Amino acid sequence: SWLYYSNEMALINQWEDVTSLDCNQVGNGTCYHTGNDIIDYYGFKKAHYYRNLGLLFALFIGFRLLGIGILLLRAKFQRRSG
């Protein structure tokens, strides 16, 4: 889904260059030391960034073509009935 791909890209973009995080651990929470730790925690891979970009572009084009196709079909049926 477009939400998954865009979320993975946003998280990678936010955290990939962070090399040090202060950890003020309260309770039993998890302490992350780098941005890569956060990316790994969510199971995302930095190598998927450009793949996700391509998939989002493909979804964009696909939905546009689907919308145009539906619009053309609707116009065709309106001409026949009107």
C-alpha atoms as a PDB file:
ATOM      1  CA  SER A   1       0.000   0.000   0.000  1.00  0.00           C
ATOM      2  CA  TRP A   2       1.111   3.568  -0.596  1.00  0.00           C
ATOM      3  CA  LEU A   3       0.954   4.246   3.150  1.00  0.00           C
ATOM      4  CA  TYR A   4       3.496   1.513   3.945  1.00  0.00           C
ATOM      5  CA  TYR A   5       5.925   2.639   1.240  1.00  0.00           C
ATOM      6  CA  SER A   6       5.717   6.317   2.179  1.00  0.00           C
ATOM      7  CA  ASN A   7       6.012   5.543   5.903  1.00  0.00           C
ATOM      8  CA  GLU A   8       9.145   3.461   5.338  1.00  0.00           C
ATOM      9  CA  MET A   9      10.656   6.238   3.220  1.00  0.00           C
ATOM     10  CA  ALA A  10       9.831   8.915   5.813  1.00  0.00           C
ATOM     11  CA  LEU A  11      11.309   6.884   8.669  1.00  0.00           C
ATOM     12  CA  ILE A  12      14.494   6.147   6.712  1.00  0.00           C
ATOM     13  CA  ASN A  13      14.800   9.790   5.698  1.00  0.00           C
ATOM     14  CA  GLN A  14      14.358  10.909   9.316  1.00  0.00           C
ATOM     15  CA  TRP A  15      16.751   8.499  11.012  1.00  0.00           C
ATOM     16  CA  GLU A  16      19.416   7.234   8.569  1.00  0.00           C
ATOM     17  CA  ASP A  17      22.015   9.944   9.288  1.00  0.00           C
ATOM     18  CA  VAL A  18      21.531  10.068  13.073  1.00  0.00           C
ATOM     19  CA  THR A  19      24.683   8.632  14.626  1.00  0.00           C
ATOM     20  CA  SER A  20      24.123   9.320  18.310  1.00  0.00           C
ATOM     21  CA  LEU A  21      21.018   9.560  20.485  1.00  0.00           C
ATOM     22  CA  ASP A  22      20.906  10.525  24.147  1.00  0.00           C
ATOM     23  CA  CYS A  23      19.196   7.870  26.192  1.00  0.00           C
ATOM     24  CA  ASN A  24      17.253   8.979  29.248  1.00  0.00           C
ATOM     25  CA  GLN A  25      15.683   5.612  29.888  1.00  0.00           C
ATOM     26  CA  VAL A  26      12.756   5.631  32.275  1.00  0.00           C
ATOM     27  CA  GLY A  27      11.383   2.295  33.390  1.00  0.00           C
ATOM     28  CA  ASN A  28      11.768  -0.736  31.160  1.00  0.00           C
ATOM     29  CA  GLY A  29      11.727   1.160  27.845  1.00  0.00           C
ATOM     30  CA  THR A  30      14.061   0.367  24.978  1.00  0.00           C
ATOM     31  CA  CYS A  31      17.042   2.641  24.458  1.00  0.00           C
ATOM     32  CA  TYR A  32      18.164   3.291  20.881  1.00  0.00           C
ATOM     33  CA  HIS A  33      21.691   4.551  20.288  1.00  0.00           C
ATOM     34  CA  THR A  34      21.593   5.332  16.559  1.00  0.00           C
ATOM     35  CA  GLY A  35      19.056   6.009  13.854  1.00  0.00           C
ATOM     36  CA  ASN A  36      19.887   2.632  12.317  1.00  0.00           C
ATOM     37  CA  ASP A  37      18.689   0.976  15.542  1.00  0.00           C
ATOM     38  CA  ILE A  38      15.294   2.610  15.069  1.00  0.00           C
ATOM     39  CA  ILE A  39      15.119   1.621  11.391  1.00  0.00           C
ATOM     40  CA  ASP A  40      16.012  -1.981  12.305  1.00  0.00           C
ATOM     41  CA  TYR A  41      13.440  -2.039  15.121  1.00  0.00           C
ATOM     42  CA  TYR A  42      10.640  -1.402  12.636  1.00  0.00           C
ATOM     43  CA  GLY A  43      12.047  -3.991  10.219  1.00  0.00           C
ATOM     44  CA  PHE A  44      12.698  -1.447   7.477  1.00  0.00           C
ATOM     45  CA  LYS A  45      15.703  -1.563   5.161  1.00  0.00           C
ATOM     46  CA  LYS A  46      17.548   1.483   3.853  1.00  0.00           C
ATOM     47  CA  ALA A  47      18.077  -0.342   0.547  1.00  0.00           C
ATOM     48  CA  HIS A  48      14.305  -0.214  -0.050  1.00  0.00           C
ATOM     49  CA  TYR A  49      14.209   3.600  -0.267  1.00  0.00           C
ATOM     50  CA  TYR A  50      14.430   3.884  -4.066  1.00  0.00           C
ATOM     51  CA  ARG A  51      12.321   0.764  -4.583  1.00  0.00           C
ATOM     52  CA  ASN A  52       9.581   2.430  -2.531  1.00  0.00           C
ATOM     53  CA  LEU A  53       9.946   5.618  -4.545  1.00  0.00           C
ATOM     54  CA  GLY A  54       9.464   3.654  -7.768  1.00  0.00           C
ATOM     55  CA  LEU A  55       6.456   1.799  -6.362  1.00  0.00           C
ATOM     56  CA  LEU A  56       4.838   5.053  -5.223  1.00  0.00           C
ATOM     57  CA  PHE A  57       5.373   6.503  -8.682  1.00  0.00           C
ATOM     58  CA  ALA A  58       3.864   3.366 -10.256  1.00  0.00           C
ATOM     59  CA  LEU A  59       0.847   3.588  -7.936  1.00  0.00           C
ATOM     60  CA  PHE A  60       0.430   7.264  -8.836  1.00  0.00           C
ATOM     61  CA  ILE A  61       0.475   6.518 -12.565  1.00  0.00           C
ATOM     62  CA  GLY A  62      -1.742   3.445 -12.138  1.00  0.00           C
ATOM     63  CA  PHE A  63      -4.426   5.320 -10.212  1.00  0.00           C
ATOM     64  CA  ARG A  64      -4.332   8.170 -12.732  1.00  0.00           C
ATOM     65  CA  LEU A  65      -4.822   5.760 -15.633  1.00  0.00           C
ATOM     66  CA  LEU A  66      -7.611   3.972 -13.771  1.00  0.00           C
ATOM     67  CA  GLY A  67      -9.344   7.293 -13.114  1.00  0.00           C
ATOM     68  CA  ILE A  68      -9.040   8.365 -16.753  1.00  0.00           C
ATOM     69  CA  GLY A  69     -10.372   4.978 -17.900  1.00  0.00           C
ATOM     70  CA  ILE A  70     -13.394   5.211 -15.614  1.00  0.00           C
ATOM     71  CA  LEU A  71     -14.040   8.785 -16.731  1.00  0.00           C
ATOM     72  CA  LEU A  72     -13.920   7.756 -20.404  1.00  0.00           C
ATOM     73  CA  LEU A  73     -16.284   4.824 -19.804  1.00  0.00           C
ATOM     74  CA  ARG A  74     -18.694   7.069 -17.956  1.00  0.00           C
ATOM     75  CA  ALA A  75     -18.647   9.621 -20.768  1.00  0.00           C
ATOM     76  CA  LYS A  76     -19.202   6.850 -23.337  1.00  0.00           C
ATOM     77  CA  PHE A  77     -22.258   5.483 -21.517  1.00  0.00           C
ATOM     78  CA  GLN A  78     -23.716   8.958 -20.975  1.00  0.00           C
ATOM     79  CA  ARG A  79     -23.551   9.657 -24.712  1.00  0.00           C
ATOM     80  CA  ARG A  80     -25.438   6.435 -25.458  1.00  0.00           C
ATOM     81  CA  SER A  81     -28.206   7.089 -22.944  1.00  0.00           C
ATOM     82  CA  GLY A  82     -28.583  10.814 -23.545  1.00  0.00           C
END
